[in-house]
Amino acid sequence: MGYSLQDFCRDTKKILKAGGSRAAVEKVRAGMERLVVDPQFVSEFFGDQQPLGLKKIYTDPDLGFELMTYRYTEARKSQPHDHGDSWAVYAQVREYTEMTEWERTDDGSDPQSARVKMKKSPYRLNPGQAGIYYGRELHSTATPPHTRYLRITGTDLENVERLRIDAATGKVERIRARQSGAGAAR
């Protein structure tokens, strides 16, 4: 019997009702690995008929966790970034994502600049594998053409401040949380 999006969301909700500890998020990761190898789920959400780019496929109305699909035809590479006070799990569906983990080597006193160094050498998430990036853990991604993956976050990341750091120059970009109301900055 298959493992559907509905099954995964139900199980994830049960897991996260007790909180978003590392142990709980590890259980979510295991469920994602099960979900992204289900042929029906992959066909429905990652088939060629799906639009390119990222697409939100579920937001939990009670706990706020979100699932997004990513489908790209071109290679992509990100700078080191975090997920603010949230967490994320990436689960590979097609091709691979090369993940690199980073750490800051400065004291954080300059809000415009940071020094980072590689904490963990690049490694691949291959189809059926998932990785956890918790809280303010810095990481970057690199993907080849035709990559497809699923990502879950503990909340809508547009609602939390996040950091992106240029590894070469140290320039810090603060990705501001969305503000409610007219004229809100993004």
C-alpha atoms as a PDB file:
ATOM      1  CA  MET A   1       0.000   0.000   0.000  1.00  0.00           C
ATOM      2  CA  GLY A   2       1.249   3.483  -0.887  1.00  0.00           C
ATOM      3  CA  TYR A   3       2.116   6.353   1.414  1.00  0.00           C
ATOM      4  CA  SER A   4       0.192   9.472   0.368  1.00  0.00           C
ATOM      5  CA  LEU A   5       0.552  13.167   1.060  1.00  0.00           C
ATOM      6  CA  GLN A   6      -2.460  12.859   3.363  1.00  0.00           C
ATOM      7  CA  ASP A   7      -0.781   9.998   5.263  1.00  0.00           C
ATOM      8  CA  PHE A   8       2.415  12.001   5.653  1.00  0.00           C
ATOM      9  CA  CYS A   9       0.609  15.160   6.815  1.00  0.00           C
ATOM     10  CA  ARG A  10      -1.467  13.189   9.346  1.00  0.00           C
ATOM     11  CA  ASP A  11       1.652  11.448  10.716  1.00  0.00           C
ATOM     12  CA  THR A  12       3.657  14.682  10.795  1.00  0.00           C
ATOM     13  CA  LYS A  13       0.910  16.479  12.668  1.00  0.00           C
ATOM     14  CA  LYS A  14       0.887  13.716  15.311  1.00  0.00           C
ATOM     15  CA  ILE A  15       4.667  13.913  15.647  1.00  0.00           C
ATOM     16  CA  LEU A  16       4.856  17.717  15.875  1.00  0.00           C
ATOM     17  CA  LYS A  17       1.988  18.165  18.338  1.00  0.00           C
ATOM     18  CA  ALA A  18       4.536  17.404  21.062  1.00  0.00           C
ATOM     19  CA  GLY A  19       6.932  20.067  19.683  1.00  0.00           C
ATOM     20  CA  GLY A  20       9.663  20.480  17.114  1.00  0.00           C
ATOM     21  CA  SER A  21      12.576  18.856  18.955  1.00  0.00           C
ATOM     22  CA  ARG A  22      15.420  17.313  16.967  1.00  0.00           C
ATOM     23  CA  ALA A  23      14.046  13.854  17.744  1.00  0.00           C
ATOM     24  CA  ALA A  24      10.607  14.840  16.425  1.00  0.00           C
ATOM     25  CA  VAL A  25      12.045  16.395  13.258  1.00  0.00           C
ATOM     26  CA  GLU A  26      14.092  13.220  12.732  1.00  0.00           C
ATOM     27  CA  LYS A  27      10.810  11.270  12.680  1.00  0.00           C
ATOM     28  CA  VAL A  28       9.454  13.736  10.111  1.00  0.00           C
ATOM     29  CA  ARG A  29      12.613  13.173   8.021  1.00  0.00           C
ATOM     30  CA  ALA A  30      12.005   9.418   8.046  1.00  0.00           C
ATOM     31  CA  GLY A  31       8.427   9.959   6.889  1.00  0.00           C
ATOM     32  CA  MET A  32       9.608  12.192   4.056  1.00  0.00           C
ATOM     33  CA  GLU A  33      11.980   9.496   2.853  1.00  0.00           C
ATOM     34  CA  ARG A  34       9.021   7.160   2.723  1.00  0.00           C
ATOM     35  CA  LEU A  35       6.841   9.713   0.900  1.00  0.00           C
ATOM     36  CA  VAL A  36       9.303  10.695  -1.843  1.00  0.00           C
ATOM     37  CA  VAL A  37       9.679   7.100  -3.057  1.00  0.00           C
ATOM     38  CA  ASP A  38       5.929   6.517  -3.367  1.00  0.00           C
ATOM     39  CA  PRO A  39       5.290   6.274  -7.142  1.00  0.00           C
ATOM     40  CA  GLN A  40       1.805   7.787  -6.975  1.00  0.00           C
ATOM     41  CA  PHE A  41       2.973  10.774  -4.895  1.00  0.00           C
ATOM     42  CA  VAL A  42       5.936  11.375  -7.201  1.00  0.00           C
ATOM     43  CA  SER A  43       3.767  11.152 -10.322  1.00  0.00           C
ATOM     44  CA  GLU A  44       1.136  13.513  -8.928  1.00  0.00           C
ATOM     45  CA  PHE A  45       3.422  16.188  -7.492  1.00  0.00           C
ATOM     46  CA  PHE A  46       6.649  15.892  -9.508  1.00  0.00           C
ATOM     47  CA  GLY A  47       5.506  14.701 -12.922  1.00  0.00           C
ATOM     48  CA  ASP A  48       6.331  16.588 -16.091  1.00  0.00           C
ATOM     49  CA  GLN A  49       2.840  18.125 -16.043  1.00  0.00           C
ATOM     50  CA  GLN A  50       3.733  20.086 -12.896  1.00  0.00           C
ATOM     51  CA  PRO A  51       4.839  23.720 -13.256  1.00  0.00           C
ATOM     52  CA  LEU A  52       8.492  24.655 -12.902  1.00  0.00           C
ATOM     53  CA  GLY A  53       9.756  26.399  -9.793  1.00  0.00           C
ATOM     54  CA  LEU A  54       8.501  25.986  -6.282  1.00  0.00           C
ATOM     55  CA  LYS A  55       4.934  25.229  -5.321  1.00  0.00           C
ATOM     56  CA  LYS A  56       3.353  25.124  -1.870  1.00  0.00           C
ATOM     57  CA  ILE A  57       1.320  21.915  -1.635  1.00  0.00           C
ATOM     58  CA  TYR A  58       0.288  21.913   2.025  1.00  0.00           C
ATOM     59  CA  THR A  59       0.141  24.215   5.037  1.00  0.00           C
ATOM     60  CA  ASP A  60      -1.051  22.735   8.294  1.00  0.00           C
ATOM     61  CA  PRO A  61      -3.862  24.951   9.606  1.00  0.00           C
ATOM     62  CA  ASP A  62      -3.084  24.184  13.267  1.00  0.00           C
ATOM     63  CA  LEU A  63       0.692  23.774  13.540  1.00  0.00           C
ATOM     64  CA  GLY A  64       1.789  25.865  10.535  1.00  0.00           C
ATOM     65  CA  PHE A  65       4.304  23.463   8.956  1.00  0.00           C
ATOM     66  CA  GLU A  66       4.532  23.739   5.170  1.00  0.00           C
ATOM     67  CA  LEU A  67       5.427  21.424   2.306  1.00  0.00           C
ATOM     68  CA  MET A  68       6.787  22.758  -0.976  1.00  0.00           C
ATOM     69  CA  THR A  69       7.779  21.023  -4.180  1.00  0.00           C
ATOM     70  CA  TYR A  70      10.787  22.213  -6.166  1.00  0.00           C
ATOM     71  CA  ARG A  71      11.150  21.389  -9.864  1.00  0.00           C
ATOM     72  CA  TYR A  72      13.852  23.061 -11.941  1.00  0.00           C
ATOM     73  CA  THR A  73      15.228  22.494 -15.436  1.00  0.00           C
ATOM     74  CA  GLU A  74      18.402  24.532 -14.895  1.00  0.00           C
ATOM     75  CA  ALA A  75      21.245  23.996 -12.438  1.00  0.00           C
ATOM     76  CA  ARG A  76      21.012  26.141  -9.291  1.00  0.00           C
ATOM     77  CA  LYS A  77      23.349  27.086  -6.448  1.00  0.00           C
ATOM     78  CA  SER A  78      22.607  28.945  -3.221  1.00  0.00           C
ATOM     79  CA  GLN A  79      24.767  30.863  -0.801  1.00  0.00           C
ATOM     80  CA  PRO A  80      24.992  29.732   2.829  1.00  0.00           C
ATOM     81  CA  HIS A  81      21.661  30.480   4.505  1.00  0.00           C
ATOM     82  CA  ASP A  82      19.573  29.525   7.505  1.00  0.00           C
ATOM     83  CA  HIS A  83      15.886  29.093   8.233  1.00  0.00           C
ATOM     84  CA  GLY A  84      15.742  31.518  11.134  1.00  0.00           C
ATOM     85  CA  ASP A  85      14.100  30.024  14.185  1.00  0.00           C
ATOM     86  CA  SER A  86      12.504  27.271  12.121  1.00  0.00           C
ATOM     87  CA  TRP A  87      13.866  24.045  10.649  1.00  0.00           C
ATOM     88  CA  ALA A  88      13.736  22.431   7.233  1.00  0.00           C
ATOM     89  CA  VAL A  89      13.942  18.934   5.833  1.00  0.00           C
ATOM     90  CA  TYR A  90      14.885  18.461   2.187  1.00  0.00           C
ATOM     91  CA  ALA A  91      13.942  15.160   0.532  1.00  0.00           C
ATOM     92  CA  GLN A  92      15.287  14.317  -2.898  1.00  0.00           C
ATOM     93  CA  VAL A  93      12.953  13.041  -5.615  1.00  0.00           C
ATOM     94  CA  ARG A  94      15.030  13.236  -8.820  1.00  0.00           C
ATOM     95  CA  GLU A  95      18.694  13.926  -9.594  1.00  0.00           C
ATOM     96  CA  TYR A  96      20.495  15.100  -6.428  1.00  0.00           C
ATOM     97  CA  THR A  97      21.103  18.085  -4.184  1.00  0.00           C
ATOM     98  CA  GLU A  98      24.649  18.731  -3.056  1.00  0.00           C
ATOM     99  CA  MET A  99      24.488  20.069   0.496  1.00  0.00           C
ATOM    100  CA  THR A 100      27.278  21.948   2.236  1.00  0.00           C
ATOM    101  CA  GLU A 101      27.116  22.833   5.916  1.00  0.00           C
ATOM    102  CA  TRP A 102      28.756  26.053   7.130  1.00  0.00           C
ATOM    103  CA  GLU A 103      29.619  27.757  10.399  1.00  0.00           C
ATOM    104  CA  ARG A 104      30.292  31.354  11.290  1.00  0.00           C
ATOM    105  CA  THR A 105      33.806  32.090  12.505  1.00  0.00           C
ATOM    106  CA  ASP A 106      33.169  35.701  13.532  1.00  0.00           C
ATOM    107  CA  ASP A 107      31.458  36.902  16.703  1.00  0.00           C
ATOM    108  CA  GLY A 108      28.345  38.164  14.891  1.00  0.00           C
ATOM    109  CA  SER A 109      28.865  41.742  16.056  1.00  0.00           C
ATOM    110  CA  ASP A 110      28.778  43.260  12.539  1.00  0.00           C
ATOM    111  CA  PRO A 111      25.235  42.913  11.153  1.00  0.00           C
ATOM    112  CA  GLN A 112      26.466  43.600   7.613  1.00  0.00           C
ATOM    113  CA  SER A 113      29.353  41.160   7.443  1.00  0.00           C
ATOM    114  CA  ALA A 114      30.217  37.628   8.521  1.00  0.00           C
ATOM    115  CA  ARG A 115      32.996  35.113   8.096  1.00  0.00           C
ATOM    116  CA  VAL A 116      32.012  31.555   7.334  1.00  0.00           C
ATOM    117  CA  LYS A 117      33.910  28.355   6.808  1.00  0.00           C
ATOM    118  CA  MET A 118      32.838  24.982   5.600  1.00  0.00           C
ATOM    119  CA  LYS A 119      31.760  22.837   8.549  1.00  0.00           C
ATOM    120  CA  LYS A 120      30.962  19.701   6.579  1.00  0.00           C
ATOM    121  CA  SER A 121      32.243  18.940   3.094  1.00  0.00           C
ATOM    122  CA  PRO A 122      29.662  18.814   0.315  1.00  0.00           C
ATOM    123  CA  TYR A 123      27.582  15.646   0.283  1.00  0.00           C
ATOM    124  CA  ARG A 124      24.705  14.492  -1.857  1.00  0.00           C
ATOM    125  CA  LEU A 125      21.111  13.851  -1.069  1.00  0.00           C
ATOM    126  CA  ASN A 126      20.139  11.267  -3.675  1.00  0.00           C
ATOM    127  CA  PRO A 127      16.592  10.219  -4.576  1.00  0.00           C
ATOM    128  CA  GLY A 128      14.851   8.809  -1.510  1.00  0.00           C
ATOM    129  CA  GLN A 129      17.208  10.545   0.953  1.00  0.00           C
ATOM    130  CA  ALA A 130      16.384  13.485   3.226  1.00  0.00           C
ATOM    131  CA  GLY A 131      18.469  15.859   5.330  1.00  0.00           C
ATOM    132  CA  ILE A 132      17.587  18.066   8.315  1.00  0.00           C
ATOM    133  CA  TYR A 133      18.723  21.686   8.719  1.00  0.00           C
ATOM    134  CA  TYR A 134      17.658  22.842  12.139  1.00  0.00           C
ATOM    135  CA  GLY A 135      17.232  26.400  13.353  1.00  0.00           C
ATOM    136  CA  ARG A 136      20.076  28.709  12.451  1.00  0.00           C
ATOM    137  CA  GLU A 137      22.307  25.974  11.001  1.00  0.00           C
ATOM    138  CA  LEU A 138      23.896  27.428   7.873  1.00  0.00           C
ATOM    139  CA  HIS A 139      23.844  25.343   4.702  1.00  0.00           C
ATOM    140  CA  SER A 140      23.953  25.818   0.948  1.00  0.00           C
ATOM    141  CA  THR A 141      22.581  23.814  -1.937  1.00  0.00           C
ATOM    142  CA  ALA A 142      23.737  23.036  -5.459  1.00  0.00           C
ATOM    143  CA  THR A 143      21.613  21.118  -7.935  1.00  0.00           C
ATOM    144  CA  PRO A 144      22.108  19.878 -11.494  1.00  0.00           C
ATOM    145  CA  PRO A 145      19.527  20.409 -14.265  1.00  0.00           C
ATOM    146  CA  HIS A 146      16.167  18.651 -13.872  1.00  0.00           C
ATOM    147  CA  THR A 147      16.327  18.418 -10.084  1.00  0.00           C
ATOM    148  CA  ARG A 148      13.175  17.753  -8.090  1.00  0.00           C
ATOM    149  CA  TYR A 149      12.862  17.743  -4.312  1.00  0.00           C
ATOM    150  CA  LEU A 150      10.376  18.208  -1.489  1.00  0.00           C
ATOM    151  CA  ARG A 151      10.956  20.542   1.446  1.00  0.00           C
ATOM    152  CA  ILE A 152       9.068  20.840   4.717  1.00  0.00           C
ATOM    153  CA  THR A 153       9.582  23.711   7.153  1.00  0.00           C
ATOM    154  CA  GLY A 154       8.297  24.131  10.677  1.00  0.00           C
ATOM    155  CA  THR A 155       6.540  27.351   9.662  1.00  0.00           C
ATOM    156  CA  ASP A 156       6.046  29.658   6.700  1.00  0.00           C
ATOM    157  CA  LEU A 157       9.587  31.005   6.291  1.00  0.00           C
ATOM    158  CA  GLU A 158       8.160  34.301   5.067  1.00  0.00           C
ATOM    159  CA  ASN A 159       7.175  34.880   8.707  1.00  0.00           C
ATOM    160  CA  VAL A 160      10.684  34.598  10.188  1.00  0.00           C
ATOM    161  CA  GLU A 161      13.874  36.569   9.688  1.00  0.00           C
ATOM    162  CA  ARG A 162      16.577  34.541   7.964  1.00  0.00           C
ATOM    163  CA  LEU A 163      20.197  35.099   6.937  1.00  0.00           C
ATOM    164  CA  ARG A 164      21.965  34.595   3.642  1.00  0.00           C
ATOM    165  CA  ILE A 165      25.737  35.072   3.636  1.00  0.00           C
ATOM    166  CA  ASP A 166      27.936  35.460   0.581  1.00  0.00           C
ATOM    167  CA  ALA A 167      30.677  32.912   1.316  1.00  0.00           C
ATOM    168  CA  ALA A 168      33.262  34.807  -0.758  1.00  0.00           C
ATOM    169  CA  THR A 169      32.651  38.388   0.390  1.00  0.00           C
ATOM    170  CA  GLY A 170      31.017  37.863   3.794  1.00  0.00           C
ATOM    171  CA  LYS A 171      28.158  40.217   2.939  1.00  0.00           C
ATOM    172  CA  VAL A 172      25.114  39.418   5.099  1.00  0.00           C
ATOM    173  CA  GLU A 173      21.626  39.671   3.675  1.00  0.00           C
ATOM    174  CA  ARG A 174      18.844  39.680   6.227  1.00  0.00           C
ATOM    175  CA  ILE A 175      15.718  38.259   4.707  1.00  0.00           C
ATOM    176  CA  ARG A 176      13.096  40.085   6.694  1.00  0.00           C
ATOM    177  CA  ALA A 177       9.940  38.527   7.994  1.00  0.00           C
ATOM    178  CA  ARG A 178       6.781  39.506   6.164  1.00  0.00           C
ATOM    179  CA  GLN A 179       4.869  42.256   7.918  1.00  0.00           C
ATOM    180  CA  SER A 180       1.107  42.291   8.086  1.00  0.00           C
ATOM    181  CA  GLY A 181      -0.866  45.259   6.852  1.00  0.00           C
ATOM    182  CA  ALA A 182      -0.769  47.603   3.873  1.00  0.00           C
ATOM    183  CA  GLY A 183       2.602  48.536   2.474  1.00  0.00           C
ATOM    184  CA  ALA A 184       4.360  45.676   4.220  1.00  0.00           C
ATOM    185  CA  ALA A 185       7.990  45.128   3.293  1.00  0.00           C
ATOM    186  CA  ARG A 186       9.139  41.705   2.157  1.00  0.00           C
END
